Protein backbone atom coordinates (compact mmCIF):
# COMPACT_ATOMS: atom_id res chain seq x y z
CA MET A 1 -190.16 -134.10 -65.33
CA SER A 2 -188.76 -130.51 -65.05
CA GLU A 3 -187.27 -129.80 -61.66
CA LYS A 4 -186.53 -126.15 -59.91
CA ILE A 5 -184.32 -124.75 -58.24
CA HIS A 6 -184.94 -121.14 -56.41
CA ILE A 7 -181.97 -119.09 -55.01
CA THR A 8 -182.69 -116.08 -52.83
CA ILE A 9 -179.59 -113.54 -52.86
CA ASP A 10 -179.60 -111.17 -49.98
CA ASP A 11 -176.85 -108.12 -49.25
CA GLY A 12 -175.98 -107.37 -52.49
CA ILE A 13 -174.04 -110.29 -52.95
CA ASN A 14 -172.55 -110.64 -56.78
CA PRO A 15 -175.62 -113.17 -58.49
CA GLU A 16 -172.18 -115.10 -60.24
CA VAL A 17 -170.71 -115.27 -56.76
CA ALA A 18 -173.58 -116.80 -55.01
CA LEU A 19 -174.62 -119.06 -57.84
CA ARG A 20 -170.95 -120.65 -57.57
CA HIS A 21 -171.62 -121.02 -53.84
CA VAL A 22 -175.08 -123.00 -54.54
CA ALA A 23 -172.93 -124.61 -57.08
CA GLU A 24 -170.76 -126.33 -54.93
CA VAL A 25 -173.15 -127.13 -52.59
CA VAL A 26 -175.24 -129.29 -54.81
CA SER A 27 -171.93 -130.75 -56.37
CA LYS A 28 -171.71 -132.29 -52.71
CA GLY A 29 -174.83 -133.82 -53.44
CA ARG A 30 -178.10 -134.24 -50.95
CA VAL A 31 -175.83 -135.59 -47.61
CA GLY A 32 -178.50 -134.34 -45.13
CA LYS A 33 -181.69 -135.89 -43.42
CA ASN A 34 -180.50 -139.24 -44.60
CA GLY A 35 -179.42 -138.29 -48.36
CA THR A 36 -182.40 -136.45 -49.13
CA MET A 37 -181.41 -132.72 -48.15
CA TYR A 38 -178.65 -130.84 -49.11
CA CYS A 39 -176.31 -129.76 -46.47
CA TYR A 40 -178.47 -127.27 -44.21
CA VAL A 41 -175.73 -124.62 -43.73
CA THR A 42 -172.66 -124.35 -45.60
CA LEU A 43 -170.20 -121.33 -44.47
CA PHE A 44 -167.48 -120.61 -47.06
CA PRO A 45 -164.14 -118.72 -46.32
CA ASP A 46 -165.17 -115.40 -47.59
CA ASP A 47 -168.17 -115.30 -45.25
CA ILE A 48 -171.07 -116.04 -47.25
CA ARG A 49 -173.10 -119.00 -45.98
CA VAL A 50 -175.69 -121.23 -47.90
CA VAL A 51 -178.56 -122.09 -46.20
CA THR A 52 -180.80 -124.86 -47.39
CA LYS A 53 -184.72 -124.69 -47.03
CA GLU A 54 -187.10 -127.35 -46.98
CA TYR A 55 -189.78 -127.65 -49.40
CA ARG A 56 -191.84 -130.27 -50.89
CA LYS A 57 -191.50 -129.71 -54.50
CA SER A 58 -188.46 -127.90 -55.41
CA ASP A 59 -184.57 -127.49 -53.98
CA CYS A 60 -184.29 -124.05 -52.33
CA PHE A 61 -181.20 -121.95 -51.47
CA ALA A 62 -181.05 -118.74 -49.61
CA VAL A 63 -177.37 -116.62 -49.80
CA TYR A 64 -176.47 -114.47 -46.93
CA SER A 65 -173.40 -112.60 -45.61
CA GLU A 66 -171.78 -112.25 -42.30
CA ARG A 67 -172.86 -108.74 -42.22
CA TYR A 68 -176.37 -109.08 -43.26
CA LEU A 69 -176.68 -111.77 -40.40
CA LEU A 70 -175.02 -109.11 -37.92
CA LYS A 71 -176.60 -106.33 -39.32
CA HIS A 72 -180.47 -108.26 -38.84
CA LYS A 73 -179.96 -109.88 -35.80
CA GLN A 74 -179.75 -106.79 -34.14
CA GLN A 75 -182.51 -105.82 -35.47
CA TRP A 76 -184.64 -108.97 -34.49
CA LYS A 77 -183.37 -108.60 -30.65
CA THR A 78 -184.97 -105.18 -30.66
CA LYS A 79 -188.07 -106.57 -32.31
CA SER A 80 -188.49 -108.79 -28.87
């Protein structure tokens, strides 16, 4: 059986940097939800966050920067 990993990279983050961060999260193993899920949010010193999304068939990660979150937080406030 093959496995898939989906990675969404936002905010113009260099794909190589994003992959390195996701690889580090994966290397730590499944530490959340009783050993079934990767850490939900991992914050790195360079202000990049790796967020794990829970899907049934594959592991999904989203890579964001602090700048991206601040920009969109402002947009989300204006929509409410």
